[in-house]
Amino acid sequence: MNDSAPDGPATSGPDNPEPLTQTQDLSVDRTYLAHERTLMAWTRTSASLISFGFTLYKFFEGLGLRGRRHPLGYVTFSVAMISIGLVALLLATIQHRRDTSALEARFHINPRYLTPLISSLIAGLGLLGLLAVALRQ
């Protein structure tokens, strides 16, 4: 009787994981999609903060209050709202990337880029809004 390792490739291990059952496969998909939904929810929240900050600025600018300066005035509040939206979107994107990268590495699934792309577009629009508010003072 030979106690040595078999000559064929190993069927499981860190480099060659066992194939997932259908239930496990669906669980991984559900978890991945939950991360996608979470990023989309943060994107929606950030877009609301950004658009509210920009709308507030345009509303008070339309009332003719542009020349009046106050440290806690509408311009400062608008910049703060837009900045909070951008920071929240950045942190949510970083968390999403970290979490999905772990799933992709562990279960050897292909990454999906649509949700981070949409978040990047919203962030770009937010940066344009922030620049518009900051440069028009």
C-alpha atoms as a PDB file:
ATOM      1  CA  MET A   1       0.000   0.000   0.000  1.00  0.00           C
ATOM      2  CA  ASN A   2       1.437   3.364  -1.044  1.00  0.00           C
ATOM      3  CA  ASP A   3       0.767   6.314   1.325  1.00  0.00           C
ATOM      4  CA  SER A   4       2.184   8.950  -1.011  1.00  0.00           C
ATOM      5  CA  ALA A   5       0.045  11.676  -2.628  1.00  0.00           C
ATOM      6  CA  PRO A   6      -1.746  10.812  -5.859  1.00  0.00           C
ATOM      7  CA  ASP A   7      -0.085  11.786  -9.106  1.00  0.00           C
ATOM      8  CA  GLY A   8      -3.107  13.721 -10.489  1.00  0.00           C
ATOM      9  CA  PRO A   9      -3.979  17.317  -9.732  1.00  0.00           C
ATOM     10  CA  ALA A  10      -5.562  18.157  -6.400  1.00  0.00           C
ATOM     11  CA  THR A  11      -9.313  18.510  -6.533  1.00  0.00           C
ATOM     12  CA  SER A  12      -9.558  21.228  -3.909  1.00  0.00           C
ATOM     13  CA  GLY A  13      -7.399  23.688  -2.047  1.00  0.00           C
ATOM     14  CA  PRO A  14      -6.628  27.389  -2.045  1.00  0.00           C
ATOM     15  CA  ASP A  15      -5.415  27.404  -5.654  1.00  0.00           C
ATOM     16  CA  ASN A  16      -8.070  25.050  -6.971  1.00  0.00           C
ATOM     17  CA  PRO A  17     -11.334  25.549  -5.042  1.00  0.00           C
ATOM     18  CA  GLU A  18     -14.130  23.035  -5.157  1.00  0.00           C
ATOM     19  CA  PRO A  19     -16.922  23.942  -7.575  1.00  0.00           C
ATOM     20  CA  LEU A  20     -19.855  25.636  -5.899  1.00  0.00           C
ATOM     21  CA  THR A  21     -23.211  23.956  -5.629  1.00  0.00           C
ATOM     22  CA  GLN A  22     -26.168  25.725  -7.201  1.00  0.00           C
ATOM     23  CA  THR A  23     -27.312  27.007  -3.801  1.00  0.00           C
ATOM     24  CA  GLN A  24     -23.858  28.359  -2.979  1.00  0.00           C
ATOM     25  CA  ASP A  25     -23.562  29.901  -6.428  1.00  0.00           C
ATOM     26  CA  LEU A  26     -26.871  31.715  -5.996  1.00  0.00           C
ATOM     27  CA  SER A  27     -25.781  32.870  -2.537  1.00  0.00           C
ATOM     28  CA  VAL A  28     -22.649  34.429  -3.983  1.00  0.00           C
ATOM     29  CA  ASP A  29     -24.719  36.146  -6.698  1.00  0.00           C
ATOM     30  CA  ARG A  30     -27.174  37.481  -4.109  1.00  0.00           C
ATOM     31  CA  THR A  31     -24.327  38.821  -1.991  1.00  0.00           C
ATOM     32  CA  TYR A  32     -22.687  40.479  -4.985  1.00  0.00           C
ATOM     33  CA  LEU A  33     -25.978  42.042  -6.057  1.00  0.00           C
ATOM     34  CA  ALA A  34     -26.563  43.272  -2.502  1.00  0.00           C
ATOM     35  CA  HIS A  35     -23.257  45.148  -2.733  1.00  0.00           C
ATOM     36  CA  GLU A  36     -24.376  46.598  -6.075  1.00  0.00           C
ATOM     37  CA  ARG A  37     -27.721  47.727  -4.597  1.00  0.00           C
ATOM     38  CA  THR A  38     -25.949  49.308  -1.646  1.00  0.00           C
ATOM     39  CA  LEU A  39     -23.708  51.353  -3.923  1.00  0.00           C
ATOM     40  CA  MET A  40     -26.715  52.414  -5.996  1.00  0.00           C
ATOM     41  CA  ALA A  41     -28.509  53.528  -2.809  1.00  0.00           C
ATOM     42  CA  TRP A  42     -25.487  55.587  -1.793  1.00  0.00           C
ATOM     43  CA  THR A  43     -25.300  56.998  -5.314  1.00  0.00           C
ATOM     44  CA  ARG A  44     -28.942  58.029  -5.093  1.00  0.00           C
ATOM     45  CA  THR A  45     -28.401  59.642  -1.678  1.00  0.00           C
ATOM     46  CA  SER A  46     -25.294  61.458  -2.877  1.00  0.00           C
ATOM     47  CA  ALA A  47     -27.037  62.705  -5.998  1.00  0.00           C
ATOM     48  CA  SER A  48     -29.821  64.073  -3.790  1.00  0.00           C
ATOM     49  CA  LEU A  49     -27.348  65.910  -1.560  1.00  0.00           C
ATOM     50  CA  ILE A  50     -25.440  67.308  -4.529  1.00  0.00           C
ATOM     51  CA  SER A  51     -28.542  68.446  -6.388  1.00  0.00           C
ATOM     52  CA  PHE A  52     -30.081  69.948  -3.232  1.00  0.00           C
ATOM     53  CA  GLY A  53     -26.915  71.943  -2.552  1.00  0.00           C
ATOM     54  CA  PHE A  54     -26.750  73.241  -6.111  1.00  0.00           C
ATOM     55  CA  THR A  55     -30.491  74.017  -6.224  1.00  0.00           C
ATOM     56  CA  LEU A  56     -30.265  75.903  -2.943  1.00  0.00           C
ATOM     57  CA  TYR A  57     -27.422  77.988  -4.337  1.00  0.00           C
ATOM     58  CA  LYS A  58     -29.295  78.800  -7.552  1.00  0.00           C
ATOM     59  CA  PHE A  59     -32.488  79.635  -5.624  1.00  0.00           C
ATOM     60  CA  PHE A  60     -30.822  82.215  -3.372  1.00  0.00           C
ATOM     61  CA  GLU A  61     -28.748  83.555  -6.240  1.00  0.00           C
ATOM     62  CA  GLY A  62     -32.006  84.129  -8.122  1.00  0.00           C
ATOM     63  CA  LEU A  63     -33.372  86.130  -5.187  1.00  0.00           C
ATOM     64  CA  GLY A  64     -30.520  88.602  -5.640  1.00  0.00           C
ATOM     65  CA  LEU A  65     -28.626  87.769  -2.465  1.00  0.00           C
ATOM     66  CA  ARG A  66     -25.363  87.194  -4.291  1.00  0.00           C
ATOM     67  CA  GLY A  67     -23.581  90.331  -3.048  1.00  0.00           C
ATOM     68  CA  ARG A  68     -24.393  89.758   0.604  1.00  0.00           C
ATOM     69  CA  ARG A  69     -21.766  87.699   2.366  1.00  0.00           C
ATOM     70  CA  HIS A  70     -22.156  85.748   5.581  1.00  0.00           C
ATOM     71  CA  PRO A  71     -19.859  83.008   6.913  1.00  0.00           C
ATOM     72  CA  LEU A  72     -22.814  80.660   7.356  1.00  0.00           C
ATOM     73  CA  GLY A  73     -24.703  81.897   4.335  1.00  0.00           C
ATOM     74  CA  TYR A  74     -26.291  79.991   1.508  1.00  0.00           C
ATOM     75  CA  VAL A  75     -23.044  79.653  -0.463  1.00  0.00           C
ATOM     76  CA  THR A  76     -21.264  77.974   2.435  1.00  0.00           C
ATOM     77  CA  PHE A  77     -24.243  75.712   3.076  1.00  0.00           C
ATOM     78  CA  SER A  78     -24.471  74.810  -0.615  1.00  0.00           C
ATOM     79  CA  VAL A  79     -20.766  73.962  -0.804  1.00  0.00           C
ATOM     80  CA  ALA A  80     -21.111  71.865   2.368  1.00  0.00           C
ATOM     81  CA  MET A  81     -24.076  69.897   0.960  1.00  0.00           C
ATOM     82  CA  ILE A  82     -22.315  69.216  -2.335  1.00  0.00           C
ATOM     83  CA  SER A  83     -19.092  68.251  -0.536  1.00  0.00           C
ATOM     84  CA  ILE A  84     -20.906  65.870   1.822  1.00  0.00           C
ATOM     85  CA  GLY A  85     -22.535  64.208  -1.189  1.00  0.00           C
ATOM     86  CA  LEU A  86     -19.180  63.806  -2.935  1.00  0.00           C
ATOM     87  CA  VAL A  87     -17.418  62.437   0.154  1.00  0.00           C
ATOM     88  CA  ALA A  88     -20.256  59.965   0.811  1.00  0.00           C
ATOM     89  CA  LEU A  89     -20.072  58.787  -2.798  1.00  0.00           C
ATOM     90  CA  LEU A  90     -16.303  58.390  -2.627  1.00  0.00           C
ATOM     91  CA  LEU A  91     -16.435  56.381   0.603  1.00  0.00           C
ATOM     92  CA  ALA A  92     -19.274  54.191  -0.691  1.00  0.00           C
ATOM     93  CA  THR A  93     -17.353  53.478  -3.894  1.00  0.00           C
ATOM     94  CA  ILE A  94     -14.233  52.538  -1.942  1.00  0.00           C
ATOM     95  CA  GLN A  95     -16.246  50.211   0.299  1.00  0.00           C
ATOM     96  CA  HIS A  96     -17.985  48.659  -2.721  1.00  0.00           C
ATOM     97  CA  ARG A  97     -14.690  48.051  -4.491  1.00  0.00           C
ATOM     98  CA  ARG A  98     -13.141  46.472  -1.395  1.00  0.00           C
ATOM     99  CA  ASP A  99     -16.119  44.185  -0.749  1.00  0.00           C
ATOM    100  CA  THR A 100     -16.627  43.087  -4.354  1.00  0.00           C
ATOM    101  CA  SER A 101     -12.894  42.516  -4.856  1.00  0.00           C
ATOM    102  CA  ALA A 102     -12.932  40.101  -1.928  1.00  0.00           C
ATOM    103  CA  LEU A 103     -15.869  38.208  -3.463  1.00  0.00           C
ATOM    104  CA  GLU A 104     -14.251  38.193  -6.898  1.00  0.00           C
ATOM    105  CA  ALA A 105     -10.983  36.836  -5.523  1.00  0.00           C
ATOM    106  CA  ARG A 106     -12.560  34.231  -3.273  1.00  0.00           C
ATOM    107  CA  PHE A 107     -15.115  32.830  -5.709  1.00  0.00           C
ATOM    108  CA  HIS A 108     -13.391  33.607  -9.033  1.00  0.00           C
ATOM    109  CA  ILE A 109     -16.251  35.629 -10.491  1.00  0.00           C
ATOM    110  CA  ASN A 110     -15.974  38.275 -13.165  1.00  0.00           C
ATOM    111  CA  PRO A 111     -16.194  41.883 -11.983  1.00  0.00           C
ATOM    112  CA  ARG A 112     -19.076  44.101 -13.046  1.00  0.00           C
ATOM    113  CA  TYR A 113     -18.342  47.736 -13.780  1.00  0.00           C
ATOM    114  CA  LEU A 114     -21.728  49.360 -14.503  1.00  0.00           C
ATOM    115  CA  THR A 115     -22.561  50.496 -10.968  1.00  0.00           C
ATOM    116  CA  PRO A 116     -19.127  52.045 -10.260  1.00  0.00           C
ATOM    117  CA  LEU A 117     -19.285  53.707 -13.693  1.00  0.00           C
ATOM    118  CA  ILE A 118     -22.611  55.341 -12.876  1.00  0.00           C
ATOM    119  CA  SER A 119     -21.263  56.424  -9.497  1.00  0.00           C
ATOM    120  CA  SER A 120     -18.247  57.968 -11.224  1.00  0.00           C
ATOM    121  CA  LEU A 121     -20.488  59.900 -13.607  1.00  0.00           C
ATOM    122  CA  ILE A 122     -22.543  61.252 -10.696  1.00  0.00           C
ATOM    123  CA  ALA A 123     -19.311  62.202  -8.906  1.00  0.00           C
ATOM    124  CA  GLY A 124     -18.136  64.045 -12.037  1.00  0.00           C
ATOM    125  CA  LEU A 125     -21.380  65.991 -12.202  1.00  0.00           C
ATOM    126  CA  GLY A 126     -21.051  66.752  -8.491  1.00  0.00           C
ATOM    127  CA  LEU A 127     -17.542  68.091  -9.010  1.00  0.00           C
ATOM    128  CA  LEU A 128     -18.814  70.317 -11.817  1.00  0.00           C
ATOM    129  CA  GLY A 129     -21.563  71.614  -9.512  1.00  0.00           C
ATOM    130  CA  LEU A 130     -19.059  72.251  -6.732  1.00  0.00           C
ATOM    131  CA  LEU A 131     -16.776  74.145  -9.096  1.00  0.00           C
ATOM    132  CA  ALA A 132     -19.709  76.167 -10.432  1.00  0.00           C
ATOM    133  CA  VAL A 133     -20.696  77.226  -6.928  1.00  0.00           C
ATOM    134  CA  ALA A 134     -17.150  77.841  -5.697  1.00  0.00           C
ATOM    135  CA  LEU A 135     -15.998  79.828  -8.741  1.00  0.00           C
ATOM    136  CA  ARG A 136     -19.078  82.057  -9.030  1.00  0.00           C
ATOM    137  CA  GLN A 137     -18.616  83.691  -5.617  1.00  0.00           C
END
